[in-house]
Amino acid sequence: MAKIKSVCVYCGSRAGVHQDYAQLAEDTGKILAEAGITLVYGGGQVGLMGLMARAAMKEGGSVVGIIPEHLDQAEIAQTGLSELHIVTDMHSRKRMMFDRSDAFIVLPGGMGTLDEFIEVLTWSQLDLHDKPIFLLNHKGYWEPLLALLRHVTAEGFANPSNLDLFITAPDLDYILEVMKEMDEPRTPAKADLF
């Protein structure tokens, strides 16, 4: 797993209604730590974010949290991280999360998670990066989104090839196996995301 050294995980700042979401978050943190992959995430101690970060730290993993000042009050920054960056705004947060990561995993989450996924997907569409994006479709959570994306392409608002810019994954083991086979991602020097 030498090529993928850090993974940004987007996930909910809430725990969701099913206990298995919490278990998925904890498993994600644990598996990344065991694989020696640095976890990059939103820096909070609440919801799936906090569960995942604490699980990674418990396994001795490297965890980088990035949280904007205004959310430090609401999401409350997780203590004990390898690195904690408190930034000025959401744009700075998302840019730093992008810069610090070799790949992205999208767990169940809400509006913020959707925003983060669509943004890195759009940057990939615009050829600003080719970092792998994994949509973890845990128990079909993302099926409505996948249906919407297929609808968007069917209606002619996106090229069907855009659906190949991310990998829909059934579980974490699948993601780890795929990452082992990947080349090192590139970010073109011309890339200016903002």
N, C-alpha and C. Protein backbone atom coordinates (compact mmCIF):
# COMPACT_ATOMS: atom_id res chain seq x y z
N MET A 1 0.83 -1.19 0.00
CA MET A 1 0.00 0.00 0.00
C MET A 1 0.87 1.25 0.00
N ALA A 2 2.04 1.18 -0.58
CA ALA A 2 2.99 2.28 -0.51
C ALA A 2 2.50 3.52 -1.25
N LYS A 3 1.72 3.37 -2.31
CA LYS A 3 1.36 4.51 -3.14
C LYS A 3 0.26 5.36 -2.50
N ILE A 4 -0.71 4.74 -1.87
CA ILE A 4 -1.77 5.47 -1.17
C ILE A 4 -1.35 5.56 0.29
N LYS A 5 -0.86 6.73 0.68
CA LYS A 5 -0.35 6.91 2.04
C LYS A 5 -1.34 7.61 2.95
N SER A 6 -2.27 8.37 2.36
CA SER A 6 -3.25 9.10 3.16
C SER A 6 -4.60 9.09 2.44
N VAL A 7 -5.63 8.95 3.23
CA VAL A 7 -6.99 8.91 2.68
C VAL A 7 -7.87 9.90 3.43
N CYS A 8 -8.56 10.73 2.68
CA CYS A 8 -9.55 11.63 3.25
C CYS A 8 -10.88 10.88 3.30
N VAL A 9 -11.49 10.85 4.47
CA VAL A 9 -12.80 10.21 4.61
C VAL A 9 -13.83 11.28 4.90
N TYR A 10 -14.84 11.34 4.04
CA TYR A 10 -15.98 12.22 4.25
C TYR A 10 -17.09 11.39 4.90
N CYS A 11 -17.67 11.91 5.97
CA CYS A 11 -18.74 11.16 6.64
C CYS A 11 -19.53 12.10 7.53
N GLY A 12 -20.58 11.56 8.12
CA GLY A 12 -21.52 12.37 8.88
C GLY A 12 -21.00 12.93 10.19
N SER A 13 -21.46 14.13 10.51
CA SER A 13 -21.19 14.71 11.83
C SER A 13 -22.28 14.29 12.81
N ARG A 14 -23.15 13.40 12.34
CA ARG A 14 -24.14 12.73 13.18
C ARG A 14 -23.91 11.23 13.03
N ALA A 15 -24.47 10.47 13.95
CA ALA A 15 -24.24 9.02 13.93
C ALA A 15 -25.26 8.26 13.09
N GLY A 16 -26.35 8.92 12.67
CA GLY A 16 -27.37 8.21 11.90
C GLY A 16 -28.27 7.38 12.81
N VAL A 17 -29.30 6.79 12.21
CA VAL A 17 -30.31 6.08 13.01
C VAL A 17 -29.98 4.61 13.25
N HIS A 18 -29.06 4.06 12.49
CA HIS A 18 -28.73 2.64 12.63
C HIS A 18 -27.34 2.48 13.25
N GLN A 19 -27.24 1.57 14.22
CA GLN A 19 -25.98 1.33 14.91
C GLN A 19 -24.87 0.89 13.96
N ASP A 20 -25.24 0.24 12.85
CA ASP A 20 -24.20 -0.26 11.94
C ASP A 20 -23.45 0.88 11.24
N TYR A 21 -24.01 2.09 11.19
CA TYR A 21 -23.26 3.23 10.66
C TYR A 21 -22.07 3.52 11.59
N ALA A 22 -22.33 3.49 12.89
CA ALA A 22 -21.27 3.72 13.87
C ALA A 22 -20.19 2.64 13.74
N GLN A 23 -20.63 1.41 13.57
CA GLN A 23 -19.67 0.32 13.43
C GLN A 23 -18.83 0.50 12.18
N LEU A 24 -19.46 0.93 11.09
CA LEU A 24 -18.73 1.17 9.84
C LEU A 24 -17.66 2.25 10.03
N ALA A 25 -18.03 3.32 10.72
CA ALA A 25 -17.07 4.40 10.96
C ALA A 25 -15.89 3.90 11.79
N GLU A 26 -16.18 3.15 12.84
CA GLU A 26 -15.10 2.62 13.68
C GLU A 26 -14.23 1.64 12.89
N ASP A 27 -14.86 0.80 12.09
CA ASP A 27 -14.10 -0.14 11.26
C ASP A 27 -13.20 0.59 10.28
N THR A 28 -13.69 1.69 9.72
CA THR A 28 -12.90 2.48 8.77
C THR A 28 -11.65 3.02 9.43
N GLY A 29 -11.81 3.62 10.60
CA GLY A 29 -10.64 4.14 11.31
C GLY A 29 -9.65 3.05 11.65
N LYS A 30 -10.16 1.93 12.13
CA LYS A 30 -9.30 0.81 12.53
C LYS A 30 -8.55 0.24 11.33
N ILE A 31 -9.25 -0.01 10.24
CA ILE A 31 -8.64 -0.63 9.05
C ILE A 31 -7.59 0.27 8.43
N LEU A 32 -7.86 1.57 8.36
CA LEU A 32 -6.86 2.49 7.81
C LEU A 32 -5.62 2.51 8.69
N ALA A 33 -5.82 2.54 10.00
CA ALA A 33 -4.67 2.54 10.92
C ALA A 33 -3.86 1.26 10.77
N GLU A 34 -4.53 0.13 10.70
CA GLU A 34 -3.84 -1.16 10.57
C GLU A 34 -3.06 -1.24 9.26
N ALA A 35 -3.57 -0.56 8.22
CA ALA A 35 -2.90 -0.57 6.91
C ALA A 35 -1.78 0.47 6.83
N GLY A 36 -1.60 1.26 7.90
CA GLY A 36 -0.56 2.29 7.89
C GLY A 36 -0.90 3.49 7.04
N ILE A 37 -2.19 3.72 6.82
CA ILE A 37 -2.65 4.85 6.00
C ILE A 37 -3.11 5.97 6.92
N THR A 38 -2.61 7.17 6.69
CA THR A 38 -3.03 8.33 7.46
C THR A 38 -4.47 8.68 7.14
N LEU A 39 -5.27 8.88 8.18
CA LEU A 39 -6.65 9.32 8.04
C LEU A 39 -6.69 10.83 8.06
N VAL A 40 -7.28 11.42 7.03
CA VAL A 40 -7.52 12.86 6.98
C VAL A 40 -9.03 13.04 7.04
N TYR A 41 -9.50 13.89 7.96
CA TYR A 41 -10.95 14.05 8.10
C TYR A 41 -11.26 15.44 8.64
N GLY A 42 -12.54 15.69 8.89
CA GLY A 42 -13.00 17.03 9.25
C GLY A 42 -12.68 17.53 10.63
N GLY A 43 -12.02 16.74 11.47
CA GLY A 43 -11.49 17.23 12.73
C GLY A 43 -12.42 17.22 13.93
N GLY A 44 -13.70 16.91 13.71
CA GLY A 44 -14.65 16.95 14.83
C GLY A 44 -14.67 15.68 15.66
N GLN A 45 -15.24 15.81 16.87
CA GLN A 45 -15.37 14.64 17.73
C GLN A 45 -16.79 14.08 17.74
N VAL A 46 -17.68 14.67 16.96
CA VAL A 46 -19.08 14.26 16.97
C VAL A 46 -19.38 13.30 15.82
N GLY A 47 -20.47 12.56 15.94
CA GLY A 47 -20.99 11.71 14.88
C GLY A 47 -20.01 10.65 14.40
N LEU A 48 -20.18 10.26 13.14
CA LEU A 48 -19.32 9.24 12.56
C LEU A 48 -17.87 9.71 12.51
N MET A 49 -17.68 11.03 12.32
CA MET A 49 -16.32 11.58 12.27
C MET A 49 -15.53 11.23 13.53
N GLY A 50 -16.12 11.54 14.66
CA GLY A 50 -15.43 11.31 15.93
C GLY A 50 -15.20 9.84 16.21
N LEU A 51 -16.20 9.01 15.93
CA LEU A 51 -16.06 7.57 16.14
C LEU A 51 -14.91 7.01 15.32
N MET A 52 -14.84 7.44 14.07
CA MET A 52 -13.79 6.95 13.16
C MET A 52 -12.41 7.40 13.63
N ALA A 53 -12.28 8.67 13.99
CA ALA A 53 -10.98 9.20 14.42
C ALA A 53 -10.50 8.50 15.69
N ARG A 54 -11.39 8.32 16.65
CA ARG A 54 -10.99 7.68 17.90
C ARG A 54 -10.60 6.22 17.69
N ALA A 55 -11.31 5.54 16.77
CA ALA A 55 -10.95 4.15 16.47
C ALA A 55 -9.57 4.07 15.84
N ALA A 56 -9.26 5.01 14.94
CA ALA A 56 -7.94 5.02 14.30
C ALA A 56 -6.85 5.30 15.33
N MET A 57 -7.10 6.25 16.22
CA MET A 57 -6.11 6.59 17.25
C MET A 57 -5.90 5.41 18.20
N LYS A 58 -6.97 4.72 18.54
CA LYS A 58 -6.87 3.56 19.45
C LYS A 58 -5.96 2.49 18.87
N GLU A 59 -5.93 2.39 17.52
CA GLU A 59 -5.07 1.41 16.84
C GLU A 59 -3.68 1.96 16.56
N GLY A 60 -3.40 3.16 17.04
CA GLY A 60 -2.08 3.76 16.83
C GLY A 60 -1.90 4.42 15.48
N GLY A 61 -3.01 4.71 14.80
CA GLY A 61 -2.94 5.31 13.48
C GLY A 61 -2.63 6.81 13.52
N SER A 62 -2.19 7.31 12.38
CA SER A 62 -1.96 8.74 12.21
C SER A 62 -3.26 9.38 11.74
N VAL A 63 -3.70 10.42 12.45
CA VAL A 63 -4.98 11.07 12.15
C VAL A 63 -4.78 12.57 12.05
N VAL A 64 -5.18 13.13 10.92
CA VAL A 64 -5.08 14.57 10.67
C VAL A 64 -6.49 15.15 10.62
N GLY A 65 -6.79 16.05 11.54
CA GLY A 65 -8.09 16.70 11.57
C GLY A 65 -7.98 18.13 11.08
N ILE A 66 -8.98 18.55 10.29
CA ILE A 66 -8.98 19.91 9.74
C ILE A 66 -10.38 20.48 9.97
N ILE A 67 -10.47 21.52 10.77
CA ILE A 67 -11.78 22.05 11.14
C ILE A 67 -11.76 23.58 11.06
N PRO A 68 -12.82 24.19 10.50
CA PRO A 68 -12.86 25.66 10.47
C PRO A 68 -13.24 26.23 11.83
N GLU A 69 -12.82 27.45 12.07
CA GLU A 69 -13.07 28.11 13.35
C GLU A 69 -14.54 28.06 13.74
N HIS A 70 -15.43 28.37 12.80
CA HIS A 70 -16.85 28.46 13.15
C HIS A 70 -17.46 27.11 13.51
N LEU A 71 -16.87 26.00 13.03
CA LEU A 71 -17.39 24.69 13.38
C LEU A 71 -16.70 24.09 14.59
N ASP A 72 -15.60 24.69 15.00
CA ASP A 72 -14.90 24.21 16.19
C ASP A 72 -15.85 24.29 17.39
N GLN A 73 -16.76 25.26 17.38
CA GLN A 73 -17.73 25.40 18.45
C GLN A 73 -18.80 24.31 18.39
N ALA A 74 -19.30 24.01 17.17
CA ALA A 74 -20.41 23.06 17.01
C ALA A 74 -19.95 21.61 16.97
N GLU A 75 -18.91 21.35 16.19
CA GLU A 75 -18.44 19.97 16.03
C GLU A 75 -17.39 19.60 17.08
N ILE A 76 -16.87 20.58 17.76
CA ILE A 76 -15.90 20.42 18.83
C ILE A 76 -14.71 19.56 18.37
N ALA A 77 -13.59 20.19 18.19
CA ALA A 77 -12.41 19.52 17.66
C ALA A 77 -12.01 18.33 18.54
N GLN A 78 -11.68 17.24 17.88
CA GLN A 78 -11.23 16.04 18.56
C GLN A 78 -9.85 16.27 19.15
N THR A 79 -9.66 15.89 20.40
CA THR A 79 -8.35 16.02 21.03
C THR A 79 -7.52 14.77 20.77
N GLY A 80 -6.21 14.90 20.90
CA GLY A 80 -5.32 13.75 20.80
C GLY A 80 -4.96 13.33 19.40
N LEU A 81 -5.30 14.14 18.40
CA LEU A 81 -4.98 13.80 17.02
C LEU A 81 -3.48 13.95 16.75
N SER A 82 -3.00 13.29 15.72
CA SER A 82 -1.60 13.47 15.30
C SER A 82 -1.37 14.91 14.89
N GLU A 83 -2.34 15.47 14.18
CA GLU A 83 -2.32 16.89 13.79
C GLU A 83 -3.74 17.42 13.83
N LEU A 84 -3.91 18.64 14.30
CA LEU A 84 -5.19 19.33 14.24
C LEU A 84 -4.94 20.71 13.66
N HIS A 85 -5.64 21.00 12.57
CA HIS A 85 -5.53 22.30 11.92
C HIS A 85 -6.87 23.03 12.05
N ILE A 86 -6.85 24.19 12.68
CA ILE A 86 -8.05 25.03 12.75
C ILE A 86 -7.87 26.13 11.72
N VAL A 87 -8.75 26.11 10.70
CA VAL A 87 -8.61 27.01 9.56
C VAL A 87 -9.72 28.06 9.58
N THR A 88 -9.61 29.02 8.69
CA THR A 88 -10.52 30.16 8.74
C THR A 88 -11.92 29.87 8.20
N ASP A 89 -12.04 29.01 7.19
CA ASP A 89 -13.35 28.81 6.57
C ASP A 89 -13.45 27.43 5.91
N MET A 90 -14.63 27.13 5.39
CA MET A 90 -14.89 25.83 4.78
C MET A 90 -14.04 25.59 3.55
N HIS A 91 -13.81 26.63 2.74
CA HIS A 91 -12.99 26.46 1.55
C HIS A 91 -11.57 26.04 1.92
N SER A 92 -11.03 26.68 2.94
CA SER A 92 -9.69 26.32 3.40
C SER A 92 -9.66 24.89 3.92
N ARG A 93 -10.70 24.51 4.63
CA ARG A 93 -10.79 23.14 5.15
C ARG A 93 -10.77 22.13 4.02
N LYS A 94 -11.65 22.34 3.05
CA LYS A 94 -11.76 21.36 1.96
C LYS A 94 -10.50 21.33 1.11
N ARG A 95 -9.88 22.47 0.90
CA ARG A 95 -8.65 22.50 0.12
C ARG A 95 -7.53 21.76 0.85
N MET A 96 -7.40 21.98 2.16
CA MET A 96 -6.35 21.30 2.91
C MET A 96 -6.61 19.80 2.97
N MET A 97 -7.86 19.41 3.14
CA MET A 97 -8.20 17.98 3.14
C MET A 97 -7.82 17.36 1.79
N PHE A 98 -8.10 18.06 0.71
CA PHE A 98 -7.73 17.58 -0.62
C PHE A 98 -6.22 17.46 -0.75
N ASP A 99 -5.52 18.52 -0.38
CA ASP A 99 -4.06 18.54 -0.55
C ASP A 99 -3.36 17.46 0.27
N ARG A 100 -3.90 17.12 1.42
CA ARG A 100 -3.24 16.17 2.31
C ARG A 100 -3.57 14.71 1.99
N SER A 101 -4.39 14.46 0.96
CA SER A 101 -4.90 13.12 0.71
C SER A 101 -4.51 12.58 -0.66
N ASP A 102 -4.30 11.26 -0.69
CA ASP A 102 -4.03 10.56 -1.95
C ASP A 102 -5.29 9.92 -2.53
N ALA A 103 -6.34 9.80 -1.73
CA ALA A 103 -7.58 9.17 -2.16
C ALA A 103 -8.70 9.63 -1.24
N PHE A 104 -9.94 9.33 -1.63
CA PHE A 104 -11.12 9.74 -0.87
C PHE A 104 -12.05 8.55 -0.68
N ILE A 105 -12.61 8.45 0.51
CA ILE A 105 -13.66 7.47 0.79
C ILE A 105 -14.86 8.25 1.32
N VAL A 106 -16.02 7.97 0.76
CA VAL A 106 -17.25 8.64 1.17
C VAL A 106 -18.13 7.64 1.90
N LEU A 107 -18.29 7.84 3.21
CA LEU A 107 -19.17 7.02 4.04
C LEU A 107 -20.56 7.66 4.07
N PRO A 108 -21.53 7.02 4.68
CA PRO A 108 -22.83 7.68 4.85
C PRO A 108 -22.67 9.02 5.57
N GLY A 109 -23.48 9.96 5.17
CA GLY A 109 -23.44 11.29 5.77
C GLY A 109 -24.55 12.14 5.21
N GLY A 110 -24.53 13.40 5.57
CA GLY A 110 -25.59 14.33 5.19
C GLY A 110 -25.15 15.32 4.12
N MET A 111 -25.63 16.54 4.25
CA MET A 111 -25.42 17.56 3.22
C MET A 111 -23.93 17.88 3.03
N GLY A 112 -23.19 17.97 4.14
CA GLY A 112 -21.77 18.27 4.03
C GLY A 112 -21.02 17.17 3.29
N THR A 113 -21.37 15.93 3.58
CA THR A 113 -20.74 14.79 2.92
C THR A 113 -21.06 14.80 1.42
N LEU A 114 -22.31 15.08 1.10
CA LEU A 114 -22.70 15.18 -0.32
C LEU A 114 -21.92 16.29 -1.01
N ASP A 115 -21.81 17.43 -0.36
CA ASP A 115 -21.08 18.57 -0.92
C ASP A 115 -19.63 18.18 -1.21
N GLU A 116 -19.00 17.53 -0.26
CA GLU A 116 -17.59 17.16 -0.41
C GLU A 116 -17.40 16.15 -1.53
N PHE A 117 -18.29 15.17 -1.60
CA PHE A 117 -18.20 14.17 -2.67
C PHE A 117 -18.38 14.82 -4.04
N ILE A 118 -19.42 15.61 -4.20
CA ILE A 118 -19.69 16.23 -5.50
C ILE A 118 -18.56 17.17 -5.90
N GLU A 119 -17.97 17.86 -4.92
CA GLU A 119 -16.89 18.78 -5.26
C GLU A 119 -15.66 18.04 -5.79
N VAL A 120 -15.19 16.99 -5.08
CA VAL A 120 -14.01 16.29 -5.60
C VAL A 120 -14.33 15.54 -6.88
N LEU A 121 -15.59 15.12 -7.05
CA LEU A 121 -16.01 14.49 -8.30
C LEU A 121 -15.96 15.50 -9.45
N THR A 122 -16.43 16.71 -9.20
CA THR A 122 -16.40 17.77 -10.21
C THR A 122 -14.96 18.13 -10.58
N TRP A 123 -14.09 18.22 -9.59
CA TRP A 123 -12.68 18.53 -9.87
C TRP A 123 -12.05 17.43 -10.72
N SER A 124 -12.44 16.20 -10.48
CA SER A 124 -11.95 15.10 -11.31
C SER A 124 -12.48 15.22 -12.73
N GLN A 125 -13.75 15.56 -12.87
CA GLN A 125 -14.37 15.75 -14.19
C GLN A 125 -13.63 16.84 -14.97
N LEU A 126 -13.18 17.87 -14.27
CA LEU A 126 -12.47 18.98 -14.90
C LEU A 126 -10.98 18.70 -15.08
N ASP A 127 -10.56 17.47 -14.77
CA ASP A 127 -9.18 17.03 -14.92
C ASP A 127 -8.21 17.82 -14.03
N LEU A 128 -8.69 18.19 -12.85
CA LEU A 128 -7.83 18.85 -11.88
C LEU A 128 -7.10 17.85 -11.00
N HIS A 129 -7.55 16.61 -11.01
CA HIS A 129 -6.86 15.55 -10.26
C HIS A 129 -7.34 14.20 -10.78
N ASP A 130 -6.58 13.15 -10.43
CA ASP A 130 -7.05 11.79 -10.71
C ASP A 130 -6.94 10.91 -9.47
N LYS A 131 -7.07 11.54 -8.31
CA LYS A 131 -7.07 10.78 -7.07
C LYS A 131 -8.32 9.92 -7.02
N PRO A 132 -8.18 8.66 -6.59
CA PRO A 132 -9.36 7.78 -6.56
C PRO A 132 -10.41 8.24 -5.54
N ILE A 133 -11.65 8.10 -5.95
CA ILE A 133 -12.80 8.46 -5.11
C ILE A 133 -13.64 7.19 -4.95
N PHE A 134 -13.82 6.77 -3.71
CA PHE A 134 -14.61 5.58 -3.40
C PHE A 134 -15.90 5.98 -2.70
N LEU A 135 -17.02 5.61 -3.29
CA LEU A 135 -18.32 5.83 -2.67
C LEU A 135 -18.70 4.51 -1.99
N LEU A 136 -18.62 4.48 -0.67
CA LEU A 136 -18.88 3.26 0.08
C LEU A 136 -20.39 3.10 0.25
N ASN A 137 -20.96 2.24 -0.56
CA ASN A 137 -22.41 2.08 -0.63
C ASN A 137 -22.88 1.06 0.41
N HIS A 138 -22.65 1.41 1.67
CA HIS A 138 -22.97 0.53 2.80
C HIS A 138 -24.47 0.24 2.86
N LYS A 139 -24.81 -1.03 2.68
CA LYS A 139 -26.20 -1.49 2.72
C LYS A 139 -27.11 -0.64 1.82
N GLY A 140 -26.55 -0.21 0.68
CA GLY A 140 -27.34 0.54 -0.30
C GLY A 140 -27.62 1.98 0.06
N TYR A 141 -26.87 2.53 1.04
CA TYR A 141 -27.14 3.90 1.48
C TYR A 141 -27.13 4.90 0.34
N TRP A 142 -26.18 4.76 -0.60
CA TRP A 142 -26.04 5.74 -1.66
C TRP A 142 -26.83 5.41 -2.92
N GLU A 143 -27.70 4.40 -2.90
CA GLU A 143 -28.49 4.06 -4.09
C GLU A 143 -29.31 5.23 -4.63
N PRO A 144 -29.99 6.02 -3.80
CA PRO A 144 -30.73 7.17 -4.35
C PRO A 144 -29.81 8.16 -5.07
N LEU A 145 -28.62 8.39 -4.53
CA LEU A 145 -27.66 9.29 -5.19
C LEU A 145 -27.19 8.71 -6.52
N LEU A 146 -26.90 7.43 -6.52
CA LEU A 146 -26.46 6.79 -7.78
C LEU A 146 -27.56 6.86 -8.83
N ALA A 147 -28.80 6.70 -8.40
CA ALA A 147 -29.93 6.82 -9.35
C ALA A 147 -30.01 8.24 -9.89
N LEU A 148 -29.80 9.23 -9.04
CA LEU A 148 -29.82 10.62 -9.50
C LEU A 148 -28.70 10.89 -10.49
N LEU A 149 -27.50 10.41 -10.21
CA LEU A 149 -26.38 10.62 -11.12
C LEU A 149 -26.63 9.95 -12.47
N ARG A 150 -27.22 8.76 -12.46
CA ARG A 150 -27.57 8.11 -13.73
C ARG A 150 -28.64 8.91 -14.48
N HIS A 151 -29.58 9.48 -13.74
CA HIS A 151 -30.64 10.31 -14.34
C HIS A 151 -30.03 11.56 -14.99
N VAL A 152 -29.09 12.20 -14.28
CA VAL A 152 -28.42 13.39 -14.81
C VAL A 152 -27.74 13.08 -16.14
N THR A 153 -27.07 11.94 -16.22
CA THR A 153 -26.39 11.59 -17.48
C THR A 153 -27.40 11.20 -18.55
N ALA A 154 -28.44 10.47 -18.16
CA ALA A 154 -29.47 10.06 -19.14
C ALA A 154 -30.17 11.26 -19.75
N GLU A 155 -30.30 12.34 -18.96
CA GLU A 155 -30.97 13.55 -19.46
C GLU A 155 -30.02 14.47 -20.21
N GLY A 156 -28.78 14.06 -20.37
CA GLY A 156 -27.84 14.81 -21.19
C GLY A 156 -27.11 15.94 -20.50
N PHE A 157 -27.15 15.99 -19.16
CA PHE A 157 -26.47 17.06 -18.44
C PHE A 157 -25.06 16.68 -17.99
N ALA A 158 -24.67 15.45 -18.21
CA ALA A 158 -23.31 15.01 -17.91
C ALA A 158 -22.98 13.85 -18.84
N ASN A 159 -21.72 13.75 -19.17
CA ASN A 159 -21.26 12.63 -19.99
C ASN A 159 -21.35 11.34 -19.18
N PRO A 160 -21.85 10.26 -19.77
CA PRO A 160 -21.90 8.99 -19.02
C PRO A 160 -20.54 8.57 -18.45
N SER A 161 -19.45 9.01 -19.07
CA SER A 161 -18.12 8.66 -18.55
C SER A 161 -17.87 9.26 -17.17
N ASN A 162 -18.65 10.29 -16.80
CA ASN A 162 -18.49 10.87 -15.46
C ASN A 162 -18.79 9.85 -14.36
N LEU A 163 -19.59 8.85 -14.69
CA LEU A 163 -19.91 7.81 -13.70
C LEU A 163 -18.72 6.89 -13.45
N ASP A 164 -17.70 7.00 -14.30
CA ASP A 164 -16.47 6.21 -14.12
C ASP A 164 -15.42 6.96 -13.31
N LEU A 165 -15.73 8.17 -12.88
CA LEU A 165 -14.76 8.97 -12.13
C LEU A 165 -14.70 8.58 -10.65
N PHE A 166 -15.61 7.73 -10.23
CA PHE A 166 -15.59 7.24 -8.86
C PHE A 166 -15.90 5.75 -8.88
N ILE A 167 -15.54 5.10 -7.79
CA ILE A 167 -15.73 3.65 -7.67
C ILE A 167 -16.76 3.40 -6.57
N THR A 168 -17.84 2.75 -6.95
CA THR A 168 -18.83 2.37 -5.95
C THR A 168 -18.36 1.07 -5.30
N ALA A 169 -18.18 1.12 -4.00
CA ALA A 169 -17.59 0.00 -3.27
C ALA A 169 -18.60 -0.60 -2.30
N PRO A 170 -18.65 -1.94 -2.23
CA PRO A 170 -19.58 -2.58 -1.30
C PRO A 170 -19.09 -2.59 0.14
N ASP A 171 -17.75 -2.58 0.33
CA ASP A 171 -17.21 -2.64 1.69
C ASP A 171 -15.76 -2.15 1.70
N LEU A 172 -15.22 -2.06 2.91
CA LEU A 172 -13.86 -1.54 3.10
C LEU A 172 -12.80 -2.46 2.53
N ASP A 173 -12.99 -3.76 2.66
CA ASP A 173 -12.00 -4.71 2.13
C ASP A 173 -11.82 -4.51 0.63
N TYR A 174 -12.93 -4.29 -0.07
CA TYR A 174 -12.87 -4.06 -1.52
C TYR A 174 -12.02 -2.81 -1.82
N ILE A 175 -12.24 -1.75 -1.04
CA ILE A 175 -11.48 -0.51 -1.25
C ILE A 175 -9.99 -0.75 -1.07
N LEU A 176 -9.61 -1.43 0.01
CA LEU A 176 -8.20 -1.69 0.26
C LEU A 176 -7.57 -2.51 -0.86
N GLU A 177 -8.29 -3.51 -1.36
CA GLU A 177 -7.76 -4.33 -2.45
C GLU A 177 -7.55 -3.50 -3.71
N VAL A 178 -8.50 -2.65 -4.05
CA VAL A 178 -8.38 -1.81 -5.24
C VAL A 178 -7.23 -0.83 -5.08
N MET A 179 -7.08 -0.23 -3.89
CA MET A 179 -6.01 0.74 -3.68
C MET A 179 -4.63 0.10 -3.83
N LYS A 180 -4.49 -1.14 -3.47
CA LYS A 180 -3.20 -1.83 -3.60
C LYS A 180 -2.73 -1.89 -5.05
N GLU A 181 -3.67 -1.93 -5.98
CA GLU A 181 -3.35 -2.08 -7.40
C GLU A 181 -3.20 -0.75 -8.13
N MET A 182 -3.45 0.36 -7.46
CA MET A 182 -3.48 1.65 -8.13
C MET A 182 -2.11 2.28 -8.25
N ASP A 183 -1.93 3.04 -9.33
CA ASP A 183 -0.74 3.86 -9.48
C ASP A 183 -0.86 5.07 -8.57
N GLU A 184 0.27 5.74 -8.37
CA GLU A 184 0.25 6.95 -7.56
C GLU A 184 -0.59 8.01 -8.27
N PRO A 185 -1.54 8.62 -7.55
CA PRO A 185 -2.38 9.64 -8.19
C PRO A 185 -1.57 10.90 -8.48
N ARG A 186 -2.06 11.67 -9.42
CA ARG A 186 -1.37 12.90 -9.78
C ARG A 186 -2.32 14.08 -9.60
N THR A 187 -1.77 15.22 -9.34
CA THR A 187 -2.50 16.48 -9.36
C THR A 187 -1.72 17.38 -10.29
N PRO A 188 -2.25 17.68 -11.48
CA PRO A 188 -1.51 18.48 -12.45
C PRO A 188 -1.04 19.80 -11.85
N ALA A 189 0.13 20.22 -12.26
CA ALA A 189 0.69 21.48 -11.76
C ALA A 189 -0.22 22.66 -12.08
N LYS A 190 -0.98 22.56 -13.16
CA LYS A 190 -1.86 23.66 -13.55
C LYS A 190 -3.11 23.73 -12.69
N ALA A 191 -3.33 22.72 -11.86
CA ALA A 191 -4.56 22.68 -11.09
C ALA A 191 -4.63 23.87 -10.12
N ASP A 192 -5.70 24.61 -10.25
CA ASP A 192 -6.01 25.68 -9.30
C ASP A 192 -7.47 25.52 -8.97
N LEU A 193 -7.74 24.93 -7.83
CA LEU A 193 -9.11 24.55 -7.50
C LEU A 193 -9.98 25.73 -7.12
N PHE A 194 -9.36 26.84 -6.77
CA PHE A 194 -10.16 28.00 -6.36
C PHE A 194 -9.72 29.23 -7.12
